[in-house]
Amino acid sequence: MEKQKVMKWLLFLLLVPAALGANNREKYNFNSQWLLHVGDIQGAEKNSFSDKDWKKVTLPHAFNEDEAFKVGIENMTDTVSWYRKQRLKVA
């Protein structure tokens, strides 16, 4: 019986801080501020690569969505596509 009381107190002491801290988290929508380039580019994996001409998109986004339902699947674009998240500015 004593063991059960100790276990209940330990469980209580572990769960209360977690429950109190759950409301303090910040939500962030990760779907916005993405860049897209259709086709392969040498060096695009590097942080220093210039992506100023890439298309701005919001996820979910398919690189070939403009072709959807307009051409047969065998005629759809099939290539490498680069997605890049715009860097967050930390204050």
PDB file of N, CA and C in Angstrom:
ATOM      1  N   MET A   1       0.815  -1.190   0.000  1.00  0.00           N
ATOM      2  CA  MET A   1       0.000   0.000   0.000  1.00  0.00           C
ATOM      3  C   MET A   1       0.864   1.261   0.000  1.00  0.00           C
ATOM      4  N   GLU A   2       1.915   1.238   0.800  1.00  0.00           N
ATOM      5  CA  GLU A   2       2.831   2.381   0.889  1.00  0.00           C
ATOM      6  C   GLU A   2       3.536   2.619  -0.447  1.00  0.00           C
ATOM      7  N   LYS A   3       3.854   1.546  -1.137  1.00  0.00           N
ATOM      8  CA  LYS A   3       4.518   1.642  -2.434  1.00  0.00           C
ATOM      9  C   LYS A   3       3.618   2.360  -3.448  1.00  0.00           C
ATOM     10  N   GLN A   4       2.336   2.088  -3.400  1.00  0.00           N
ATOM     11  CA  GLN A   4       1.399   2.729  -4.321  1.00  0.00           C
ATOM     12  C   GLN A   4       1.317   4.222  -4.064  1.00  0.00           C
ATOM     13  N   LYS A   5       1.333   4.630  -2.806  1.00  0.00           N
ATOM     14  CA  LYS A   5       1.299   6.060  -2.471  1.00  0.00           C
ATOM     15  C   LYS A   5       2.548   6.767  -2.997  1.00  0.00           C
ATOM     16  N   VAL A   6       3.675   6.130  -2.821  1.00  0.00           N
ATOM     17  CA  VAL A   6       4.935   6.720  -3.301  1.00  0.00           C
ATOM     18  C   VAL A   6       4.919   6.851  -4.823  1.00  0.00           C
ATOM     19  N   MET A   7       4.440   5.829  -5.505  1.00  0.00           N
ATOM     20  CA  MET A   7       4.371   5.855  -6.960  1.00  0.00           C
ATOM     21  C   MET A   7       3.416   6.946  -7.446  1.00  0.00           C
ATOM     22  N   LYS A   8       2.290   7.106  -6.769  1.00  0.00           N
ATOM     23  CA  LYS A   8       1.338   8.153  -7.136  1.00  0.00           C
ATOM     24  C   LYS A   8       1.960   9.530  -6.968  1.00  0.00           C
ATOM     25  N   TRP A   9       2.688   9.739  -5.877  1.00  0.00           N
ATOM     26  CA  TRP A   9       3.330  11.036  -5.649  1.00  0.00           C
ATOM     27  C   TRP A   9       4.417  11.296  -6.688  1.00  0.00           C
ATOM     28  N   LEU A  10       5.175  10.285  -7.011  1.00  0.00           N
ATOM     29  CA  LEU A  10       6.210  10.462  -8.040  1.00  0.00           C
ATOM     30  C   LEU A  10       5.584  10.803  -9.395  1.00  0.00           C
ATOM     31  N   LEU A  11       4.541  10.110  -9.737  1.00  0.00           N
ATOM     32  CA  LEU A  11       3.838  10.373 -10.985  1.00  0.00           C
ATOM     33  C   LEU A  11       3.277  11.793 -10.987  1.00  0.00           C
ATOM     34  N   PHE A  12       2.693  12.191  -9.881  1.00  0.00           N
ATOM     35  CA  PHE A  12       2.155  13.542  -9.745  1.00  0.00           C
ATOM     36  C   PHE A  12       3.260  14.591  -9.907  1.00  0.00           C
ATOM     37  N   LEU A  13       4.374  14.362  -9.242  1.00  0.00           N
ATOM     38  CA  LEU A  13       5.481  15.325  -9.313  1.00  0.00           C
ATOM     39  C   LEU A  13       6.106  15.407 -10.705  1.00  0.00           C
ATOM     40  N   LEU A  14       6.025  14.338 -11.461  1.00  0.00           N
ATOM     41  CA  LEU A  14       6.547  14.350 -12.822  1.00  0.00           C
ATOM     42  C   LEU A  14       5.582  14.990 -13.820  1.00  0.00           C
ATOM     43  N   LEU A  15       4.300  14.783 -13.629  1.00  0.00           N
ATOM     44  CA  LEU A  15       3.316  15.254 -14.598  1.00  0.00           C
ATOM     45  C   LEU A  15       2.891  16.708 -14.406  1.00  0.00           C
ATOM     46  N   VAL A  16       2.897  17.210 -13.196  1.00  0.00           N
ATOM     47  CA  VAL A  16       2.460  18.583 -12.955  1.00  0.00           C
ATOM     48  C   VAL A  16       3.341  19.597 -13.690  1.00  0.00           C
ATOM     49  N   PRO A  17       4.666  19.539 -13.602  1.00  0.00           N
ATOM     50  CA  PRO A  17       5.473  20.514 -14.349  1.00  0.00           C
ATOM     51  C   PRO A  17       5.265  20.418 -15.860  1.00  0.00           C
ATOM     52  N   ALA A  18       5.079  19.222 -16.365  1.00  0.00           N
ATOM     53  CA  ALA A  18       4.840  19.054 -17.802  1.00  0.00           C
ATOM     54  C   ALA A  18       3.519  19.688 -18.200  1.00  0.00           C
ATOM     55  N   ALA A  19       2.493  19.508 -17.396  1.00  0.00           N
ATOM     56  CA  ALA A  19       1.184  20.085 -17.700  1.00  0.00           C
ATOM     57  C   ALA A  19       1.215  21.604 -17.615  1.00  0.00           C
ATOM     58  N   LEU A  20       1.935  22.144 -16.667  1.00  0.00           N
ATOM     59  CA  LEU A  20       2.016  23.599 -16.537  1.00  0.00           C
ATOM     60  C   LEU A  20       2.803  24.230 -17.678  1.00  0.00           C
ATOM     61  N   GLY A  21       3.826  23.545 -18.152  1.00  0.00           N
ATOM     62  CA  GLY A  21       4.650  24.078 -19.226  1.00  0.00           C
ATOM     63  C   GLY A  21       4.063  23.898 -20.610  1.00  0.00           C
ATOM     64  N   ALA A  22       3.033  23.086 -20.747  1.00  0.00           N
ATOM     65  CA  ALA A  22       2.453  22.804 -22.061  1.00  0.00           C
ATOM     66  C   ALA A  22       1.816  24.042 -22.676  1.00  0.00           C
ATOM     67  N   ASN A  23       1.339  24.961 -21.882  1.00  0.00           N
ATOM     68  CA  ASN A  23       0.696  26.160 -22.402  1.00  0.00           C
ATOM     69  C   ASN A  23       1.697  27.233 -22.814  1.00  0.00           C
ATOM     70  N   ASN A  24       2.945  27.076 -22.474  1.00  0.00           N
ATOM     71  CA  ASN A  24       3.948  28.093 -22.759  1.00  0.00           C
ATOM     72  C   ASN A  24       4.635  27.920 -24.095  1.00  0.00           C
ATOM     73  N   ARG A  25       4.310  26.878 -24.823  1.00  0.00           N
ATOM     74  CA  ARG A  25       4.991  26.661 -26.087  1.00  0.00           C
ATOM     75  C   ARG A  25       4.442  27.589 -27.165  1.00  0.00           C
ATOM     76  N   GLU A  26       5.284  27.885 -28.111  1.00  0.00           N
ATOM     77  CA  GLU A  26       4.921  28.781 -29.201  1.00  0.00           C
ATOM     78  C   GLU A  26       4.652  27.961 -30.455  1.00  0.00           C
ATOM     79  N   LYS A  27       3.558  28.255 -31.133  1.00  0.00           N
ATOM     80  CA  LYS A  27       3.238  27.559 -32.368  1.00  0.00           C
ATOM     81  C   LYS A  27       3.841  28.323 -33.534  1.00  0.00           C
ATOM     82  N   TYR A  28       4.341  27.581 -34.515  1.00  0.00           N
ATOM     83  CA  TYR A  28       4.940  28.182 -35.692  1.00  0.00           C
ATOM     84  C   TYR A  28       4.439  27.448 -36.922  1.00  0.00           C
ATOM     85  N   ASN A  29       3.918  28.174 -37.884  1.00  0.00           N
ATOM     86  CA  ASN A  29       3.463  27.592 -39.135  1.00  0.00           C
ATOM     87  C   ASN A  29       4.670  27.439 -40.058  1.00  0.00           C
ATOM     88  N   PHE A  30       5.080  26.211 -40.266  1.00  0.00           N
ATOM     89  CA  PHE A  30       6.280  25.915 -41.057  1.00  0.00           C
ATOM     90  C   PHE A  30       5.983  25.878 -42.556  1.00  0.00           C
ATOM     91  N   ASN A  31       4.736  26.075 -42.962  1.00  0.00           N
ATOM     92  CA  ASN A  31       4.342  25.911 -44.360  1.00  0.00           C
ATOM     93  C   ASN A  31       4.657  27.111 -45.253  1.00  0.00           C
ATOM     94  N   SER A  32       4.873  28.268 -44.713  1.00  0.00           N
ATOM     95  CA  SER A  32       5.097  29.458 -45.539  1.00  0.00           C
ATOM     96  C   SER A  32       6.589  29.707 -45.772  1.00  0.00           C
ATOM     97  N   GLN A  33       6.856  30.603 -46.702  1.00  0.00           N
ATOM     98  CA  GLN A  33       8.212  31.083 -47.006  1.00  0.00           C
ATOM     99  C   GLN A  33       9.134  30.001 -47.543  1.00  0.00           C
ATOM    100  N   TRP A  34       8.643  29.196 -48.447  1.00  0.00           N
ATOM    101  CA  TRP A  34       9.463  28.211 -49.130  1.00  0.00           C
ATOM    102  C   TRP A  34       9.801  28.722 -50.523  1.00  0.00           C
ATOM    103  N   LEU A  35      10.899  28.266 -51.063  1.00  0.00           N
ATOM    104  CA  LEU A  35      11.321  28.595 -52.425  1.00  0.00           C
ATOM    105  C   LEU A  35      11.393  27.306 -53.225  1.00  0.00           C
ATOM    106  N   LEU A  36      11.133  27.415 -54.523  1.00  0.00           N
ATOM    107  CA  LEU A  36      11.115  26.243 -55.391  1.00  0.00           C
ATOM    108  C   LEU A  36      11.865  26.533 -56.676  1.00  0.00           C
ATOM    109  N   HIS A  37      12.674  25.567 -57.092  1.00  0.00           N
ATOM    110  CA  HIS A  37      13.298  25.594 -58.413  1.00  0.00           C
ATOM    111  C   HIS A  37      13.116  24.212 -59.031  1.00  0.00           C
ATOM    112  N   VAL A  38      12.500  24.179 -60.214  1.00  0.00           N
ATOM    113  CA  VAL A  38      12.292  22.920 -60.914  1.00  0.00           C
ATOM    114  C   VAL A  38      13.472  22.708 -61.850  1.00  0.00           C
ATOM    115  N   GLY A  39      14.133  21.570 -61.689  1.00  0.00           N
ATOM    116  CA  GLY A  39      15.334  21.253 -62.460  1.00  0.00           C
ATOM    117  C   GLY A  39      16.535  21.195 -61.539  1.00  0.00           C
ATOM    118  N   ASP A  40      17.538  20.481 -61.958  1.00  0.00           N
ATOM    119  CA  ASP A  40      18.727  20.315 -61.126  1.00  0.00           C
ATOM    120  C   ASP A  40      19.698  21.464 -61.354  1.00  0.00           C
ATOM    121  N   ILE A  41      20.340  21.901 -60.295  1.00  0.00           N
ATOM    122  CA  ILE A  41      21.329  22.976 -60.354  1.00  0.00           C
ATOM    123  C   ILE A  41      22.548  22.522 -59.551  1.00  0.00           C
ATOM    124  N   GLN A  42      23.715  22.662 -60.143  1.00  0.00           N
ATOM    125  CA  GLN A  42      24.950  22.341 -59.418  1.00  0.00           C
ATOM    126  C   GLN A  42      25.158  23.340 -58.294  1.00  0.00           C
ATOM    127  N   GLY A  43      25.419  22.856 -57.098  1.00  0.00           N
ATOM    128  CA  GLY A  43      25.746  23.710 -55.962  1.00  0.00           C
ATOM    129  C   GLY A  43      24.550  24.223 -55.188  1.00  0.00           C
ATOM    130  N   ALA A  44      23.331  23.825 -55.557  1.00  0.00           N
ATOM    131  CA  ALA A  44      22.132  24.339 -54.883  1.00  0.00           C
ATOM    132  C   ALA A  44      22.034  23.880 -53.429  1.00  0.00           C
ATOM    133  N   GLU A  45      22.780  22.859 -53.070  1.00  0.00           N
ATOM    134  CA  GLU A  45      22.728  22.373 -51.679  1.00  0.00           C
ATOM    135  C   GLU A  45      23.503  23.260 -50.721  1.00  0.00           C
ATOM    136  N   LYS A  46      24.294  24.176 -51.236  1.00  0.00           N
ATOM    137  CA  LYS A  46      25.117  25.052 -50.384  1.00  0.00           C
ATOM    138  C   LYS A  46      24.301  26.238 -49.883  1.00  0.00           C
ATOM    139  N   ASN A  47      24.550  26.626 -48.640  1.00  0.00           N
ATOM    140  CA  ASN A  47      23.854  27.772 -48.061  1.00  0.00           C
ATOM    141  C   ASN A  47      24.135  29.062 -48.819  1.00  0.00           C
ATOM    142  N   SER A  48      25.300  29.169 -49.392  1.00  0.00           N
ATOM    143  CA  SER A  48      25.689  30.395 -50.071  1.00  0.00           C
ATOM    144  C   SER A  48      25.111  30.511 -51.487  1.00  0.00           C
ATOM    145  N   PHE A  49      24.432  29.467 -51.968  1.00  0.00           N
ATOM    146  CA  PHE A  49      23.871  29.472 -53.316  1.00  0.00           C
ATOM    147  C   PHE A  49      22.770  30.522 -53.421  1.00  0.00           C
ATOM    148  N   SER A  50      22.784  31.311 -54.465  1.00  0.00           N
ATOM    149  CA  SER A  50      21.791  32.374 -54.659  1.00  0.00           C
ATOM    150  C   SER A  50      20.470  31.773 -55.142  1.00  0.00           C
ATOM    151  N   ASP A  51      19.421  32.010 -54.376  1.00  0.00           N
ATOM    152  CA  ASP A  51      18.098  31.514 -54.737  1.00  0.00           C
ATOM    153  C   ASP A  51      17.122  32.664 -55.002  1.00  0.00           C
ATOM    154  N   LYS A  52      17.653  33.817 -55.371  1.00  0.00           N
ATOM    155  CA  LYS A  52      16.817  35.009 -55.546  1.00  0.00           C
ATOM    156  C   LYS A  52      15.811  34.873 -56.684  1.00  0.00           C
ATOM    157  N   ASP A  53      16.074  34.016 -57.657  1.00  0.00           N
ATOM    158  CA  ASP A  53      15.170  33.848 -58.795  1.00  0.00           C
ATOM    159  C   ASP A  53      14.210  32.667 -58.637  1.00  0.00           C
ATOM    160  N   TRP A  54      14.241  32.011 -57.499  1.00  0.00           N
ATOM    161  CA  TRP A  54      13.382  30.861 -57.276  1.00  0.00           C
ATOM    162  C   TRP A  54      11.957  31.328 -56.996  1.00  0.00           C
ATOM    163  N   LYS A  55      10.991  30.484 -57.301  1.00  0.00           N
ATOM    164  CA  LYS A  55       9.577  30.780 -57.104  1.00  0.00           C
ATOM    165  C   LYS A  55       9.221  30.655 -55.627  1.00  0.00           C
ATOM    166  N   LYS A  56       8.478  31.637 -55.106  1.00  0.00           N
ATOM    167  CA  LYS A  56       8.016  31.580 -53.720  1.00  0.00           C
ATOM    168  C   LYS A  56       6.750  30.737 -53.667  1.00  0.00           C
ATOM    169  N   VAL A  57       6.744  29.747 -52.768  1.00  0.00           N
ATOM    170  CA  VAL A  57       5.603  28.850 -52.634  1.00  0.00           C
ATOM    171  C   VAL A  57       5.273  28.648 -51.156  1.00  0.00           C
ATOM    172  N   THR A  58       4.079  28.153 -50.923  1.00  0.00           N
ATOM    173  CA  THR A  58       3.624  27.769 -49.598  1.00  0.00           C
ATOM    174  C   THR A  58       3.280  26.291 -49.650  1.00  0.00           C
ATOM    175  N   LEU A  59       3.675  25.549 -48.645  1.00  0.00           N
ATOM    176  CA  LEU A  59       3.385  24.123 -48.603  1.00  0.00           C
ATOM    177  C   LEU A  59       1.974  23.871 -48.116  1.00  0.00           C
ATOM    178  N   PRO A  60       1.322  22.826 -48.513  1.00  0.00           N
ATOM    179  CA  PRO A  60       1.810  21.819 -49.445  1.00  0.00           C
ATOM    180  C   PRO A  60       1.814  22.357 -50.876  1.00  0.00           C
ATOM    181  N   HIS A  61       2.800  21.956 -51.640  1.00  0.00           N
ATOM    182  CA  HIS A  61       2.957  22.413 -53.018  1.00  0.00           C
ATOM    183  C   HIS A  61       3.646  21.323 -53.823  1.00  0.00           C
ATOM    184  N   ALA A  62       3.081  21.004 -54.961  1.00  0.00           N
ATOM    185  CA  ALA A  62       3.700  20.041 -55.867  1.00  0.00           C
ATOM    186  C   ALA A  62       4.347  20.827 -57.000  1.00  0.00           C
ATOM    187  N   PHE A  63       5.575  20.506 -57.332  1.00  0.00           N
ATOM    188  CA  PHE A  63       6.293  21.256 -58.352  1.00  0.00           C
ATOM    189  C   PHE A  63       5.586  21.211 -59.704  1.00  0.00           C
ATOM    190  N   ASN A  64       4.809  20.182 -59.950  1.00  0.00           N
ATOM    191  CA  ASN A  64       4.129  20.049 -61.238  1.00  0.00           C
ATOM    192  C   ASN A  64       2.613  20.215 -61.114  1.00  0.00           C
ATOM    193  N   GLU A  65       2.175  20.976 -60.133  1.00  0.00           N
ATOM    194  CA  GLU A  65       0.742  21.119 -59.906  1.00  0.00           C
ATOM    195  C   GLU A  65       0.024  21.828 -61.048  1.00  0.00           C
ATOM    196  N   ASP A  66       0.725  22.654 -61.823  1.00  0.00           N
ATOM    197  CA  ASP A  66       0.108  23.331 -62.954  1.00  0.00           C
ATOM    198  C   ASP A  66      -0.288  22.345 -64.051  1.00  0.00           C
ATOM    199  N   GLU A  67       0.341  21.186 -64.068  1.00  0.00           N
ATOM    200  CA  GLU A  67       0.039  20.169 -65.074  1.00  0.00           C
ATOM    201  C   GLU A  67      -1.086  19.238 -64.650  1.00  0.00           C
ATOM    202  N   ALA A  68      -1.445  19.272 -63.386  1.00  0.00           N
ATOM    203  CA  ALA A  68      -2.431  18.327 -62.861  1.00  0.00           C
ATOM    204  C   ALA A  68      -3.730  18.390 -63.648  1.00  0.00           C
ATOM    205  N   PHE A  69      -4.204  17.255 -64.048  1.00  0.00           N
ATOM    206  CA  PHE A  69      -5.458  17.077 -64.778  1.00  0.00           C
ATOM    207  C   PHE A  69      -5.451  17.715 -66.172  1.00  0.00           C
ATOM    208  N   LYS A  70      -4.304  18.207 -66.615  1.00  0.00           N
ATOM    209  CA  LYS A  70      -4.213  18.799 -67.959  1.00  0.00           C
ATOM    210  C   LYS A  70      -3.497  17.888 -68.938  1.00  0.00           C
ATOM    211  N   VAL A  71      -2.575  17.085 -68.413  1.00  0.00           N
ATOM    212  CA  VAL A  71      -1.840  16.149 -69.264  1.00  0.00           C
ATOM    213  C   VAL A  71      -1.880  14.772 -68.620  1.00  0.00           C
ATOM    214  N   GLY A  72      -1.668  13.765 -69.423  1.00  0.00           N
ATOM    215  CA  GLY A  72      -1.622  12.410 -68.897  1.00  0.00           C
ATOM    216  C   GLY A  72      -0.403  12.220 -68.009  1.00  0.00           C
ATOM    217  N   ILE A  73      -0.490  11.263 -67.121  1.00  0.00           N
ATOM    218  CA  ILE A  73       0.598  11.042 -66.175  1.00  0.00           C
ATOM    219  C   ILE A  73       1.917  10.715 -66.878  1.00  0.00           C
ATOM    220  N   GLU A  74       1.841  10.060 -68.028  1.00  0.00           N
ATOM    221  CA  GLU A  74       3.063   9.728 -68.756  1.00  0.00           C
ATOM    222  C   GLU A  74       3.722  10.969 -69.379  1.00  0.00           C
ATOM    223  N   ASN A  75       2.991  12.079 -69.468  1.00  0.00           N
ATOM    224  CA  ASN A  75       3.528  13.310 -70.049  1.00  0.00           C
ATOM    225  C   ASN A  75       3.875  14.368 -69.005  1.00  0.00           C
ATOM    226  N   MET A  76       3.691  14.039 -67.738  1.00  0.00           N
ATOM    227  CA  MET A  76       3.992  15.019 -66.688  1.00  0.00           C
ATOM    228  C   MET A  76       5.493  15.177 -66.514  1.00  0.00           C
ATOM    229  N   THR A  77       5.875  16.359 -66.074  1.00  0.00           N
ATOM    230  CA  THR A  77       7.285  16.652 -65.825  1.00  0.00           C
ATOM    231  C   THR A  77       7.829  15.704 -64.767  1.00  0.00           C
ATOM    232  N   ASP A  78       8.974  15.142 -65.045  1.00  0.00           N
ATOM    233  CA  ASP A  78       9.637  14.213 -64.133  1.00  0.00           C
ATOM    234  C   ASP A  78      11.088  14.651 -64.031  1.00  0.00           C
ATOM    235  N   THR A  79      11.421  15.379 -62.988  1.00  0.00           N
ATOM    236  CA  THR A  79      12.758  15.934 -62.866  1.00  0.00           C
ATOM    237  C   THR A  79      13.096  16.170 -61.395  1.00  0.00           C
ATOM    238  N   VAL A  80      14.290  16.623 -61.158  1.00  0.00           N
ATOM    239  CA  VAL A  80      14.722  17.019 -59.817  1.00  0.00           C
ATOM    240  C   VAL A  80      14.115  18.383 -59.508  1.00  0.00           C
ATOM    241  N   SER A  81      13.640  18.544 -58.293  1.00  0.00           N
ATOM    242  CA  SER A  81      13.118  19.841 -57.849  1.00  0.00           C
ATOM    243  C   SER A  81      13.767  20.200 -56.527  1.00  0.00           C
ATOM    244  N   TRP A  82      14.101  21.447 -56.385  1.00  0.00           N
ATOM    245  CA  TRP A  82      14.720  21.938 -55.159  1.00  0.00           C
ATOM    246  C   TRP A  82      13.713  22.780 -54.390  1.00  0.00           C
ATOM    247  N   TYR A  83      13.508  22.438 -53.131  1.00  0.00           N
ATOM    248  CA  TYR A  83      12.724  23.257 -52.210  1.00  0.00           C
ATOM    249  C   TYR A  83      13.694  23.789 -51.160  1.00  0.00           C
ATOM    250  N   ARG A  84      13.530  25.044 -50.827  1.00  0.00           N
ATOM    251  CA  ARG A  84      14.402  25.647 -49.810  1.00  0.00           C
ATOM    252  C   ARG A  84      13.558  26.548 -48.924  1.00  0.00           C
ATOM    253  N   LYS A  85      13.773  26.440 -47.646  1.00  0.00           N
ATOM    254  CA  LYS A  85      13.074  27.287 -46.680  1.00  0.00           C
ATOM    255  C   LYS A  85      13.842  28.577 -46.533  1.00  0.00           C
ATOM    256  N   GLN A  86      13.121  29.703 -46.630  1.00  0.00           N
ATOM    257  CA  GLN A  86      13.795  30.978 -46.414  1.00  0.00           C
ATOM    258  C   GLN A  86      14.278  31.036 -44.985  1.00  0.00           C
ATOM    259  N   ARG A  87      15.424  31.592 -44.803  1.00  0.00           N
ATOM    260  CA  ARG A  87      16.030  31.636 -43.472  1.00  0.00           C
ATOM    261  C   ARG A  87      15.232  32.549 -42.552  1.00  0.00           C
ATOM    262  N   LEU A  88      15.061  32.098 -41.309  1.00  0.00           N
ATOM    263  CA  LEU A  88      14.394  32.900 -40.321  1.00  0.00           C
ATOM    264  C   LEU A  88      15.356  33.948 -39.785  1.00  0.00           C
ATOM    265  N   LYS A  89      14.867  35.134 -39.592  1.00  0.00           N
ATOM    266  CA  LYS A  89      15.690  36.202 -39.015  1.00  0.00           C
ATOM    267  C   LYS A  89      15.525  36.159 -37.510  1.00  0.00           C
ATOM    268  N   VAL A  90      16.605  35.917 -36.820  1.00  0.00           N
ATOM    269  CA  VAL A  90      16.567  35.822 -35.366  1.00  0.00           C
ATOM    270  C   VAL A  90      16.853  37.192 -34.783  1.00  0.00           C
ATOM    271  N   ALA A  91      15.971  37.653 -33.915  1.00  0.00           N
ATOM    272  CA  ALA A  91      16.134  38.986 -33.326  1.00  0.00           C
ATOM    273  C   ALA A  91      17.087  38.949 -32.157  1.00  0.00           C
TER     274      ALA A  91
END
